[in-house]
Protein backbone atom coordinates (compact mmCIF):
# COMPACT_ATOMS: atom_id res chain seq x y z
CA MET A 1 -15.32 53.16 -95.46
CA LYS A 2 -17.98 50.47 -95.11
CA GLN A 3 -21.45 51.95 -94.90
CA LEU A 4 -23.00 51.40 -91.47
CA GLU A 5 -26.26 49.49 -91.31
CA GLU A 6 -29.21 51.53 -90.04
CA ARG A 7 -30.49 49.91 -86.83
CA GLY A 8 -32.76 52.62 -85.46
CA HIS A 9 -35.91 50.67 -86.35
CA LEU A 10 -35.00 47.84 -83.98
CA LEU A 11 -37.07 47.66 -80.80
CA THR A 12 -33.95 47.62 -78.64
CA GLU A 13 -32.68 50.86 -80.22
CA GLN A 14 -35.87 52.89 -80.00
CA ILE A 15 -36.49 55.75 -77.59
CA ASN A 16 -38.52 54.98 -74.47
CA PRO A 17 -41.18 57.69 -74.03
CA ASN A 18 -41.37 56.94 -70.30
CA SER A 19 -37.77 58.01 -69.66
CA GLN A 20 -37.26 61.05 -71.88
CA ASN A 21 -36.61 63.20 -68.79
CA LEU A 22 -34.23 60.60 -67.30
CA ASP A 23 -31.50 63.14 -66.49
CA ARG A 24 -33.96 65.24 -64.46
CA LEU A 25 -35.33 62.49 -62.21
CA SER A 26 -34.60 62.22 -58.52
CA CYS A 27 -32.91 59.07 -57.23
CA LEU A 28 -36.22 57.72 -55.94
CA GLU A 29 -37.94 58.52 -59.23
CA LEU A 30 -35.16 56.63 -61.03
CA VAL A 31 -35.70 53.55 -58.88
CA ASP A 32 -39.48 53.71 -59.40
CA LEU A 33 -39.06 54.02 -63.17
CA PHE A 34 -36.73 51.02 -63.31
CA ASN A 35 -39.18 49.04 -61.22
CA GLN A 36 -42.04 49.98 -63.53
CA GLU A 37 -40.13 49.11 -66.69
CA ASP A 38 -38.72 45.84 -65.36
CA ARG A 39 -42.25 44.48 -65.00
CA GLN A 40 -42.16 44.01 -68.75
CA THR A 41 -39.60 41.23 -68.33
CA ILE A 42 -42.18 39.00 -66.64
CA ALA A 43 -44.69 39.62 -69.43
CA ALA A 44 -42.05 38.91 -72.06
CA ILE A 45 -41.20 35.53 -70.52
CA ALA A 46 -44.90 34.64 -70.39
CA LYS A 47 -45.30 35.41 -74.09
CA ALA A 48 -42.27 33.24 -74.91
CA ARG A 49 -43.42 30.27 -72.81
CA LEU A 50 -44.07 27.91 -75.75
CA PRO A 51 -40.69 28.23 -77.49
CA LEU A 52 -38.95 28.15 -74.11
CA ALA A 53 -40.70 24.88 -73.25
CA GLU A 54 -39.78 23.48 -76.66
CA ALA A 55 -36.16 24.51 -76.10
CA ILE A 56 -36.10 22.69 -72.76
CA ALA A 57 -37.55 19.48 -74.20
CA THR A 58 -35.32 19.54 -77.28
CA THR A 59 -32.15 20.28 -75.31
CA ALA A 60 -32.85 17.63 -72.66
CA LYS A 61 -33.36 15.03 -75.39
CA ALA A 62 -30.08 16.02 -77.04
CA LEU A 63 -28.12 15.84 -73.79
CA ARG A 64 -29.58 12.42 -72.96
CA GLN A 65 -28.18 11.21 -76.27
CA GLY A 66 -24.69 12.49 -75.50
CA GLY A 67 -24.98 16.01 -76.87
CA ARG A 68 -23.82 19.29 -75.38
CA LEU A 69 -25.39 22.72 -74.90
CA PHE A 70 -23.56 25.84 -76.14
CA TYR A 71 -24.45 29.49 -75.59
CA VAL A 72 -23.00 31.95 -78.11
CA GLY A 73 -23.03 35.72 -77.70
CA ALA A 74 -21.10 38.98 -77.57
CA GLY A 75 -20.94 41.66 -74.90
CA THR A 76 -23.65 41.37 -72.25
CA SER A 77 -25.37 38.51 -74.07
CA GLY A 78 -22.13 36.56 -74.24
CA ARG A 79 -21.34 37.16 -70.57
CA LEU A 80 -24.79 35.97 -69.54
CA GLY A 81 -24.33 32.77 -71.52
CA VAL A 82 -20.92 32.12 -69.96
CA LEU A 83 -22.37 32.81 -66.51
CA ASP A 84 -25.23 30.37 -66.95
CA ALA A 85 -22.87 27.68 -68.24
CA ALA A 86 -20.44 28.23 -65.36
CA GLU A 87 -23.21 27.78 -62.79
CA CYS A 88 -24.21 24.32 -64.00
CA PRO A 89 -21.30 22.27 -62.56
CA PRO A 90 -21.68 23.46 -58.93
CA THR A 91 -25.48 23.38 -59.02
CA PHE A 92 -26.04 20.14 -60.91
CA CYS A 93 -22.60 18.45 -60.75
CA THR A 94 -22.38 18.42 -64.54
CA PRO A 95 -19.02 18.07 -66.28
CA PRO A 96 -17.75 21.48 -67.50
CA GLU A 97 -17.98 20.40 -71.13
CA LEU A 98 -21.72 19.62 -70.95
CA VAL A 99 -22.85 23.27 -70.95
CA GLN A 100 -20.42 25.81 -72.41
CA GLY A 101 -20.42 29.52 -73.16
CA ILE A 102 -18.76 31.02 -76.23
CA ILE A 103 -18.19 34.78 -76.18
CA ALA A 104 -16.75 37.01 -78.89
CA GLY A 105 -13.26 37.94 -77.81
CA GLY A 106 -12.83 34.90 -75.57
CA ALA A 107 -12.12 34.97 -71.83
CA ASP A 108 -10.73 38.52 -71.92
CA ALA A 109 -14.14 39.80 -73.03
CA LEU A 110 -15.65 38.69 -69.72
CA VAL A 111 -13.98 41.54 -67.88
CA ARG A 112 -13.09 43.99 -70.62
CA SER A 113 -15.29 45.32 -73.41
CA SER A 114 -14.43 43.96 -76.87
CA GLU A 115 -17.52 44.98 -78.81
CA ALA A 116 -15.66 45.36 -82.11
CA LEU A 117 -15.14 41.61 -82.25
CA GLU A 118 -18.88 40.98 -82.42
CA ASP A 119 -18.84 42.13 -86.05
CA ARG A 120 -16.74 39.14 -87.15
CA ALA A 121 -19.13 36.41 -88.33
CA GLU A 122 -16.12 34.31 -89.32
CA ASP A 123 -14.97 34.22 -85.69
CA GLY A 124 -18.33 32.81 -84.63
CA ALA A 125 -18.11 30.13 -87.30
CA ALA A 126 -14.52 29.33 -86.28
CA ALA A 127 -15.59 28.86 -82.65
CA ILE A 128 -18.13 26.25 -83.76
CA VAL A 129 -15.48 24.39 -85.69
CA GLN A 130 -13.05 24.62 -82.77
CA LYS A 131 -15.66 23.10 -80.41
CA GLU A 132 -16.26 20.28 -82.92
CA ILE A 133 -20.01 20.85 -82.87
CA SER A 134 -21.94 17.78 -84.05
CA PRO A 135 -25.57 16.85 -84.83
CA LEU A 136 -25.94 15.80 -81.18
CA ASP A 137 -25.32 19.32 -79.90
CA VAL A 138 -27.57 22.32 -79.25
CA VAL A 139 -26.34 25.86 -79.99
CA VAL A 140 -28.19 28.87 -78.55
CA GLY A 141 -27.37 32.18 -80.22
CA ILE A 142 -28.04 35.13 -77.89
CA THR A 143 -28.24 38.68 -79.24
CA ALA A 144 -30.49 41.34 -77.75
CA GLY A 145 -30.74 43.39 -80.93
CA GLY A 146 -30.85 40.30 -83.12
CA THR A 147 -28.16 41.38 -85.58
CA THR A 148 -24.79 40.39 -84.06
CA PRO A 149 -22.67 38.89 -86.89
CA PHE A 150 -20.57 36.76 -84.49
CA VAL A 151 -23.75 35.01 -83.32
CA HIS A 152 -25.16 34.52 -86.81
CA GLY A 153 -21.86 33.16 -88.06
CA ALA A 154 -21.90 30.64 -85.23
CA LEU A 155 -25.53 29.64 -85.84
CA GLN A 156 -25.02 29.17 -89.56
CA ALA A 157 -21.92 27.04 -88.96
CA ALA A 158 -23.75 25.00 -86.31
CA LYS A 159 -26.70 24.44 -88.64
CA SER A 160 -24.38 23.32 -91.44
CA ARG A 161 -22.93 20.72 -89.07
CA GLY A 162 -26.38 19.36 -88.21
CA ALA A 163 -26.69 20.80 -84.71
CA THR A 164 -29.98 22.00 -83.25
CA THR A 165 -30.06 25.80 -83.31
CA ILE A 166 -31.94 28.16 -81.00
CA PHE A 167 -32.14 31.95 -81.36
CA MET A 168 -32.78 34.26 -78.41
CA ALA A 169 -33.37 37.95 -79.16
CA CYS A 170 -35.29 40.98 -77.89
CA VAL A 171 -36.61 42.20 -81.24
CA PRO A 172 -39.66 40.84 -83.10
CA GLN A 173 -39.20 38.47 -86.03
CA GLU A 174 -40.48 41.03 -88.53
CA GLN A 175 -37.57 43.34 -87.61
CA PHE A 176 -34.90 40.63 -87.93
CA SER A 177 -35.55 37.03 -88.92
CA CYS A 178 -33.29 34.05 -88.32
CA ASP A 179 -33.37 30.56 -89.82
CA VAL A 180 -33.17 28.36 -86.73
CA ASP A 181 -34.99 25.38 -85.22
CA ILE A 182 -36.42 27.29 -82.25
CA ASP A 183 -36.91 31.07 -82.20
CA ILE A 184 -37.33 32.74 -78.78
CA ARG A 185 -38.25 36.44 -78.76
CA LEU A 186 -38.14 38.29 -75.45
CA LEU A 187 -39.88 41.60 -76.18
CA VAL A 188 -39.36 44.05 -73.33
CA GLY A 189 -39.57 47.25 -75.36
CA PRO A 190 -37.13 50.18 -75.55
CA GLU A 191 -34.61 50.59 -72.75
CA ILE A 192 -34.76 53.36 -70.15
CA LEU A 193 -31.32 54.40 -71.38
CA ALA A 194 -31.83 54.17 -75.14
CA GLY A 195 -29.95 51.25 -76.66
CA SER A 196 -28.42 50.01 -73.38
CA THR A 197 -29.44 46.37 -73.67
CA ARG A 198 -27.64 45.38 -70.48
CA LEU A 199 -30.81 46.67 -68.77
CA LYS A 200 -34.24 45.08 -69.47
CA ALA A 201 -32.92 42.99 -72.35
CA GLY A 202 -30.13 41.66 -70.15
CA THR A 203 -32.52 40.96 -67.29
CA VAL A 204 -35.01 39.05 -69.43
CA THR A 205 -32.21 37.11 -71.12
CA LYS A 206 -30.87 36.04 -67.71
CA MET A 207 -34.38 34.95 -66.75
CA ALA A 208 -34.79 32.93 -69.92
CA LEU A 209 -31.41 31.23 -69.49
CA ASN A 210 -32.30 30.41 -65.87
CA ILE A 211 -35.47 28.73 -67.08
CA LEU A 212 -33.77 26.90 -69.93
CA SER A 213 -30.83 25.42 -68.04
CA THR A 214 -32.77 24.61 -64.87
CA GLY A 215 -35.61 23.10 -66.88
CA VAL A 216 -33.17 20.92 -68.81
CA MET A 217 -31.52 19.69 -65.61
CA VAL A 218 -34.90 18.88 -64.09
CA GLN A 219 -35.73 16.85 -67.18
CA LEU A 220 -32.39 15.04 -66.84
CA GLY A 221 -33.26 13.91 -63.31
CA LYS A 222 -30.81 16.18 -61.49
CA VAL A 223 -33.53 17.43 -59.18
CA TYR A 224 -35.71 15.56 -56.65
CA GLY A 225 -38.81 17.56 -55.78
CA ASN A 226 -37.27 21.02 -55.66
CA ARG A 227 -33.94 19.91 -54.18
CA MET A 228 -30.62 20.03 -56.04
CA VAL A 229 -29.71 16.43 -55.25
CA ASP A 230 -26.77 16.56 -57.66
CA VAL A 231 -25.19 19.51 -55.85
CA ALA A 232 -21.38 19.44 -55.96
CA VAL A 233 -20.08 19.36 -52.37
CA THR A 234 -17.04 21.55 -52.96
CA ASN A 235 -17.14 24.06 -50.09
CA SER A 236 -18.61 24.54 -46.62
CA LYS A 237 -21.77 26.24 -47.88
CA LEU A 238 -22.54 23.46 -50.35
CA ARG A 239 -21.71 20.78 -47.78
CA ASP A 240 -24.17 22.38 -45.38
CA ARG A 241 -26.78 22.45 -48.15
CA ALA A 242 -26.11 18.80 -48.96
CA LEU A 243 -26.50 17.78 -45.32
CA ARG A 244 -29.73 19.77 -44.95
CA ILE A 245 -31.17 18.11 -48.08
CA ILE A 246 -30.38 14.67 -46.66
CA GLN A 247 -31.76 15.60 -43.24
CA ASP A 248 -34.96 17.06 -44.63
CA LEU A 249 -35.70 14.10 -46.91
CA THR A 250 -34.71 11.31 -44.49
CA ASN A 251 -35.42 12.79 -41.02
CA LEU A 252 -31.89 11.79 -39.97
CA ASN A 253 -29.99 13.93 -37.49
CA ARG A 254 -26.96 15.93 -38.57
CA ASP A 255 -24.36 13.34 -37.57
CA ALA A 256 -26.20 10.48 -39.25
CA ALA A 257 -26.65 12.55 -42.41
CA ALA A 258 -22.92 13.36 -42.41
CA ASN A 259 -22.04 9.67 -42.08
CA LEU A 260 -24.40 8.78 -44.91
CA LEU A 261 -22.91 11.49 -47.13
CA GLU A 262 -19.38 10.31 -46.36
CA ASN A 263 -20.23 6.67 -47.10
CA SER A 264 -21.98 7.50 -50.37
CA GLY A 265 -19.92 10.37 -51.74
CA ASN A 266 -22.89 12.45 -52.95
CA VAL A 267 -26.42 13.46 -51.99
CA LYS A 268 -28.27 11.50 -54.66
CA LEU A 269 -26.58 8.20 -53.84
CA ALA A 270 -26.94 8.86 -50.12
CA LEU A 271 -30.70 9.20 -50.47
CA LEU A 272 -30.98 6.13 -52.67
CA MET A 273 -28.95 4.00 -50.23
CA HIS A 274 -31.06 5.21 -47.30
CA TRP A 275 -34.40 4.62 -49.00
CA THR A 276 -33.60 1.25 -50.58
CA GLY A 277 -31.06 -0.33 -48.23
CA LEU A 278 -28.64 -0.87 -51.11
CA ASP A 279 -24.89 -0.54 -50.60
CA ARG A 280 -22.84 2.02 -52.48
CA GLU A 281 -21.92 -0.24 -55.40
CA GLN A 282 -25.48 -1.48 -55.86
CA GLY A 283 -26.84 2.05 -55.65
CA GLU A 284 -24.39 3.33 -58.26
CA LYS A 285 -25.41 0.57 -60.66
CA LEU A 286 -29.10 1.31 -60.11
CA LEU A 287 -28.60 5.01 -60.78
CA ILE A 288 -26.66 4.27 -63.96
CA ALA A 289 -29.46 1.94 -65.11
CA ASN A 290 -31.94 4.79 -64.57
CA GLN A 291 -29.85 7.51 -66.28
CA GLY A 292 -29.20 9.17 -62.92
CA ASN A 293 -32.90 9.77 -62.18
CA LEU A 294 -33.31 9.30 -58.43
CA ARG A 295 -37.10 9.10 -58.34
CA GLN A 296 -37.13 6.58 -61.16
CA ALA A 297 -34.38 4.52 -59.50
CA VAL A 298 -36.29 4.38 -56.21
CA GLN A 299 -39.51 3.35 -57.95
CA ASN A 300 -37.80 0.64 -59.97
CA SER A 301 -36.10 -0.67 -56.85
CA GLN A 302 -39.47 -0.93 -55.09
CA ASN A 303 -41.01 -2.66 -58.10
CA GLN A 304 -38.34 -5.34 -57.93
CA LEU A 305 -39.17 -6.22 -54.32
């Protein structure tokens, strides 16, 4: 039998002294303890602000040049990556292939545990080959404890193919190092339930992914002010949001906003047509010339007057 690697020294596996009487706490005491411990997620994000900002800038540059963003993980980490990727098309109207999640075990692992598959580094490498990762792409390896072979296999394969690599883990570098371009450590300390990294580690990872993907989309011009002007109008809720964005930014009434949305096909083009007086075809050309950046397109239109 293969000798198991000792992992007890890892921060994510250590015993939390604040929860050693966990099984004797009242329900209210449990809630208070979780609330106390979860404050560490905010501090962890603050300490990782520089590599997070670098990851945003690097990824936005890659996507502008035709690259793609991939999240790779297993278990909770993998599910969080898939979730973040899946939220990009409805929020920012991105094509599904622009941001993708790769999870050990594939789609079945999203709803059923398949932890044994995380030990197969060769599967991670094979996923990179299957996705035809290139030097234009960015690959983010997510592993709370830092050691997941599936993730490291993927990162090594991505690096060998010239892609930009980013590592996201909840253990310090001195406990487990990784040869990547950008190293993000989210140190939230031991879990309330020892080793259960779906807790604080999962929470801080979700926060970091929120920041990364949203920051990238802001840099790509998919946001105007704090409005999601590239929202995909695919259901009644999102149509209502689209109309409210148009109304708020143009002072049009609901019917006029609806007509403008219908004539333009999307919020960003509707706003550009309203503010510049351009027709749909002219507006589309102007947006293309400005890489889809609405604010930049409006400014350039005004400069040409």
